[in-house]
Every structure is written in structure tokens, then in C-alpha cells.
Protein backbone atom coordinates (compact mmCIF):
# COMPACT_ATOMS: atom_id res chain seq x y z
CA UNK A 1 185.83 23.80 71.41
CA UNK A 2 186.02 25.99 74.51
CA UNK A 3 183.69 28.74 75.63
CA UNK A 4 185.57 31.32 77.68
CA UNK A 5 182.39 33.36 78.16
CA UNK A 6 180.90 30.85 80.59
CA UNK A 7 180.20 32.34 84.00
CA UNK A 8 181.52 29.19 85.64
CA UNK A 9 185.25 29.56 86.42
CA UNK A 10 187.40 27.27 84.27
CA UNK A 11 190.44 25.42 85.56
CA UNK A 12 192.85 23.19 83.67
CA UNK A 13 194.19 20.15 85.53
CA UNK A 14 197.75 20.17 84.24
CA UNK A 15 198.48 16.45 84.32
CA UNK A 16 198.13 13.40 82.10
CA UNK A 17 198.15 11.05 85.08
CA UNK A 18 194.67 9.51 85.21
CA UNK A 19 195.09 8.69 88.90
CA UNK A 20 195.84 12.32 89.76
CA UNK A 21 192.99 13.55 87.55
CA UNK A 22 190.54 11.31 89.36
CA UNK A 23 191.74 12.39 92.79
CA UNK A 24 191.82 16.11 91.97
CA UNK A 25 188.40 16.03 90.33
CA UNK A 26 186.89 14.50 93.47
CA UNK A 27 188.78 16.80 95.81
CA UNK A 28 187.82 20.00 93.93
CA UNK A 29 184.15 19.12 93.49
CA UNK A 30 183.04 21.49 96.31
CA UNK A 31 184.47 24.46 94.37
CA UNK A 32 181.98 23.94 91.47
CA UNK A 33 184.58 24.67 88.79
CA UNK A 34 184.52 23.80 85.10
CA UNK A 35 187.45 21.38 84.90
CA UNK A 36 189.46 20.66 81.77
CA UNK A 37 192.29 18.17 81.36
CA UNK A 38 195.08 17.83 78.82
CA UNK A 39 192.98 15.15 77.11
CA UNK A 40 190.60 17.91 75.97
CA UNK A 41 193.22 19.17 73.51
CA UNK A 42 193.18 17.66 69.99
CA UNK A 43 196.96 17.26 69.88
CA UNK A 44 199.36 16.00 72.52
CA UNK A 45 201.14 18.86 74.27
CA UNK A 46 204.88 18.34 74.89
CA UNK A 47 205.68 18.09 78.60
CA UNK A 48 207.87 20.77 80.19
CA UNK A 49 211.24 19.82 81.61
CA UNK A 50 210.98 19.58 85.40
CA UNK A 51 214.25 21.19 86.45
CA UNK A 52 213.19 22.41 89.90
CA UNK A 53 215.02 21.37 93.04
CA UNK A 54 211.86 20.92 95.09
CA UNK A 55 208.16 20.14 94.68
CA UNK A 56 207.09 23.79 94.64
CA UNK A 57 209.51 24.70 91.86
CA UNK A 58 208.40 21.81 89.66
CA UNK A 59 204.69 22.40 90.26
CA UNK A 60 205.17 26.08 89.35
CA UNK A 61 207.03 25.16 86.15
CA UNK A 62 204.15 22.90 85.06
CA UNK A 63 201.33 25.25 86.05
CA UNK A 64 202.80 28.30 84.30
CA UNK A 65 203.76 26.30 81.21
CA UNK A 66 200.34 24.76 80.65
CA UNK A 67 198.53 28.00 81.46
CA UNK A 68 200.55 29.73 78.75
CA UNK A 69 200.18 26.96 76.17
CA UNK A 70 196.48 26.23 76.78
CA UNK A 71 195.21 29.70 77.62
CA UNK A 72 193.48 28.73 80.86
CA UNK A 73 194.58 29.02 84.50
CA UNK A 74 196.22 25.74 85.36
CA UNK A 75 196.50 23.67 88.51
CA UNK A 76 199.62 21.53 88.69
CA UNK A 77 200.66 19.03 91.32
CA UNK A 78 204.17 17.92 92.08
CA UNK A 79 204.42 15.21 94.64
CA UNK A 80 206.59 12.36 95.72
CA UNK A 81 207.66 9.84 98.28
CA UNK A 82 210.32 10.72 100.85
CA UNK A 83 211.90 7.81 102.73
CA UNK A 84 213.71 8.72 105.94
CA UNK A 85 216.33 5.94 105.78
CA UNK A 86 217.18 6.89 102.19
CA UNK A 87 217.86 10.53 103.04
CA UNK A 88 214.54 11.69 101.62
CA UNK A 89 214.84 9.84 98.33
CA UNK A 90 213.26 9.39 95.86
CA UNK A 91 211.73 12.85 96.55
CA UNK A 92 211.33 15.06 93.48
CA UNK A 93 212.66 12.18 91.37
CA UNK A 94 209.84 9.82 92.45
CA UNK A 95 208.40 9.51 88.94
CA UNK A 96 211.88 8.98 87.45
CA UNK A 97 213.27 6.75 90.17
CA UNK A 98 215.83 4.34 88.77
CA UNK A 99 215.85 6.07 85.40
CA UNK A 100 212.11 6.08 84.87
CA UNK A 101 210.40 2.93 83.66
CA UNK A 102 207.12 1.61 85.03
CA UNK A 103 205.42 1.81 88.43
CA UNK A 104 206.45 -1.80 88.89
CA UNK A 105 210.13 -1.16 88.25
CA UNK A 106 210.16 1.83 90.59
CA UNK A 107 208.49 -0.15 93.39
CA UNK A 108 210.97 -2.99 92.88
CA UNK A 109 213.92 -0.63 93.10
CA UNK A 110 212.57 0.87 96.31
CA UNK A 111 212.06 -2.53 97.91
CA UNK A 112 215.60 -3.52 96.98
CA UNK A 113 216.99 -0.38 98.59
CA UNK A 114 214.99 -1.04 101.75
CA UNK A 115 216.36 -4.56 102.28
CA UNK A 116 217.86 -4.82 105.77
CA UNK A 117 216.75 -1.35 106.87
CA UNK A 118 214.85 -1.27 110.17
CA UNK A 119 213.72 2.34 109.82
CA UNK A 120 210.90 2.24 107.29
CA UNK A 121 209.37 5.64 108.08
CA UNK A 122 208.33 7.66 105.05
CA UNK A 123 206.00 10.41 103.96
CA UNK A 124 204.23 11.53 100.84
CA UNK A 125 204.30 15.24 100.06
CA UNK A 126 202.18 17.13 97.54
CA UNK A 127 202.39 20.76 96.42
CA UNK A 128 199.62 22.30 94.32
CA UNK A 129 200.19 25.46 92.32
CA UNK A 130 197.48 27.49 90.59
CA UNK A 131 198.90 29.82 87.95
CA UNK A 132 197.69 31.94 85.06
CA UNK A 133 199.52 33.75 82.30
CA UNK A 134 201.10 36.24 84.71
CA UNK A 135 203.72 35.90 87.41
CA UNK A 136 201.29 35.56 90.32
CA UNK A 137 200.29 32.15 91.64
CA UNK A 138 198.66 30.45 94.62
CA UNK A 139 200.06 27.37 96.33
CA UNK A 140 199.04 24.76 98.91
CA UNK A 141 200.75 21.68 100.30
CA UNK A 142 199.96 18.50 102.21
CA UNK A 143 201.82 15.59 103.76
CA UNK A 144 200.96 12.05 104.83
CA UNK A 145 203.18 10.07 107.19
CA UNK A 146 203.51 6.31 107.06
CA UNK A 147 205.93 3.45 106.49
CA UNK A 148 207.21 1.37 103.60
CA UNK A 149 205.58 -2.06 103.59
CA UNK A 150 207.62 -5.23 103.17
CA UNK A 151 205.75 -6.07 99.96
CA UNK A 152 203.06 -4.52 97.71
CA UNK A 153 199.54 -4.79 99.12
CA UNK A 154 196.28 -3.77 97.44
CA UNK A 155 195.06 -3.25 93.91
CA UNK A 156 193.92 0.39 94.02
CA UNK A 157 195.72 3.70 93.69
CA UNK A 158 198.80 4.18 91.56
CA UNK A 159 202.53 4.73 91.87
CA UNK A 160 203.94 3.75 95.25
CA UNK A 161 200.50 3.36 96.87
CA UNK A 162 200.80 -0.45 97.30
CA UNK A 163 204.00 0.04 99.33
CA UNK A 164 202.85 2.93 101.53
CA UNK A 165 201.38 1.68 104.80
CA UNK A 166 199.22 4.25 106.59
CA UNK A 167 199.14 3.61 110.38
CA UNK A 168 195.71 5.03 111.26
CA UNK A 169 193.83 2.92 108.73
CA UNK A 170 196.23 0.00 109.13
CA UNK A 171 196.30 -0.40 105.34
CA UNK A 172 198.37 0.61 102.36
CA UNK A 173 196.98 3.43 100.22
CA UNK A 174 196.28 0.84 97.52
CA UNK A 175 193.97 -1.02 99.91
CA UNK A 176 191.80 2.06 100.47
CA UNK A 177 188.86 3.09 98.32
CA UNK A 178 189.27 6.35 96.39
CA UNK A 179 186.85 8.00 98.82
CA UNK A 180 188.90 6.82 101.81
CA UNK A 181 192.17 7.89 100.22
CA UNK A 182 190.77 11.31 99.34
CA UNK A 183 190.09 11.97 103.01
CA UNK A 184 193.68 11.42 104.18
CA UNK A 185 196.18 11.56 101.33
CA UNK A 186 198.88 14.18 100.88
CA UNK A 187 197.17 15.41 97.71
CA UNK A 188 193.82 15.45 99.48
CA UNK A 189 195.23 17.61 102.27
CA UNK A 190 196.66 20.05 99.72
CA UNK A 191 193.32 20.05 97.88
CA UNK A 192 191.40 20.56 101.10
CA UNK A 193 193.60 23.56 101.88
CA UNK A 194 192.80 24.90 98.42
CA UNK A 195 189.08 24.35 98.97
CA UNK A 196 189.28 26.29 102.24
CA UNK A 197 190.70 29.20 100.20
CA UNK A 198 187.51 29.22 98.14
CA UNK A 199 187.25 33.00 97.85
CA UNK A 200 190.93 33.47 96.97
CA UNK A 201 190.67 30.79 94.27
CA UNK A 202 187.51 32.28 92.75
CA UNK A 203 189.06 35.76 92.81
CA UNK A 204 192.23 34.46 91.14
CA UNK A 205 190.28 32.66 88.41
CA UNK A 206 188.05 35.69 87.84
CA UNK A 207 191.14 37.82 87.39
CA UNK A 208 192.50 35.36 84.83
CA UNK A 209 189.24 35.55 82.85
CA UNK A 210 189.39 39.34 82.76
CA UNK A 211 193.04 39.57 81.68
């Protein structure tokens, strides 16, 4: 199904999250890469256990795992919401907040924990890791500061986006178009940093093709 002889560098987006795939595809467009996703594999690939204590560790676990299993250099994102009044929670546990469940249940738990708290400052953080079959990897990160809204607003985005109010736009991330979000989001900033490292990325991918 795959042609490794193509001159166009190939990169696997190591996520099943359709929201992340859409954002990363748009962000990485300037790099002119051949992008694959986990949906391109005929059988579902078991997910690795995310045992890292921070975003970098978890992103590295995912990138190295999928690169080894799929045979292509992989780009993994680990990101989450950090709320100041909650001591940085949910942090690396953002996707498993309250024992997992749905986006709706996680948002509800967060709103319950924020009841009566005047400090609603928060930030999103994203760490991208590009890894191949070896030990070397490249990494970039981005952050977006904002506040937790009193109630969900907007129909776009995913995850905690309807609760994350961004002060410059005066909207939640879920009220922004994908194009608007991709100019300011934490993942966009990490992706923009990656795009600025164009030559390093191309060199890394070329090295993966040769090995």
C-alpha cells in the first residue's frame, strides 16, 4: 500500500484524534510532506501506554512507538489544559480527566471543580515530537494563555475548546474557525516552530528514509 521510494518525505501523524489530524494537516501544509495517519493501516494498532510524567515524555513514547510499529517517522502530539487554580490540573491527564469518559463528562467535571473559584486563568500546552526508529528525535512546544469560561460556548473544535476563552479574540476556541484557531492555538504555535525548522525536519526525514 505504501511506496517508500517516493522522493517526497513521508510523515506519519501518530494520532487517531480527527481534530488533531485536521489541525496538524493544515499546520504542516507549508512543509509539502506526504502525510499518513493511523487510519491508513488495515488493522487497528493498539495504543501505547502513556506513562510519562510530562507532555514531552508522553509525546516521545507515542512517536517512537508508532514509528517502530508502522515503519515511518512519526509525529506525535501530547497536549493538555493546565488550570492555575487547580494546581495545573488536569495537565497530562487531560484526556483521562475524571477517569476518562467523553468530552462532555470531562468538561462537566472541570466546571464543577471551578465553582466558586475567582481565579480562572489557564493555559493549553502542546509538545510535538518527531521520531524515527532510532533514539534521536526533534521536539517543539507551544502554549496559549486564556481563562476558563463559565459555560461552554461555540460548536467548533474539540475537547475543552468550548470552555477555553481566549482574551485577544474575545471568544472561546470553539467559537473560532479552524483557520483562526490554527493561527493562535498551542498546537499551532508548536507546528509553526516545526515549520520554521524546515531544513532540520527535511534532513531528519531524509535520514530516516536512508536508514
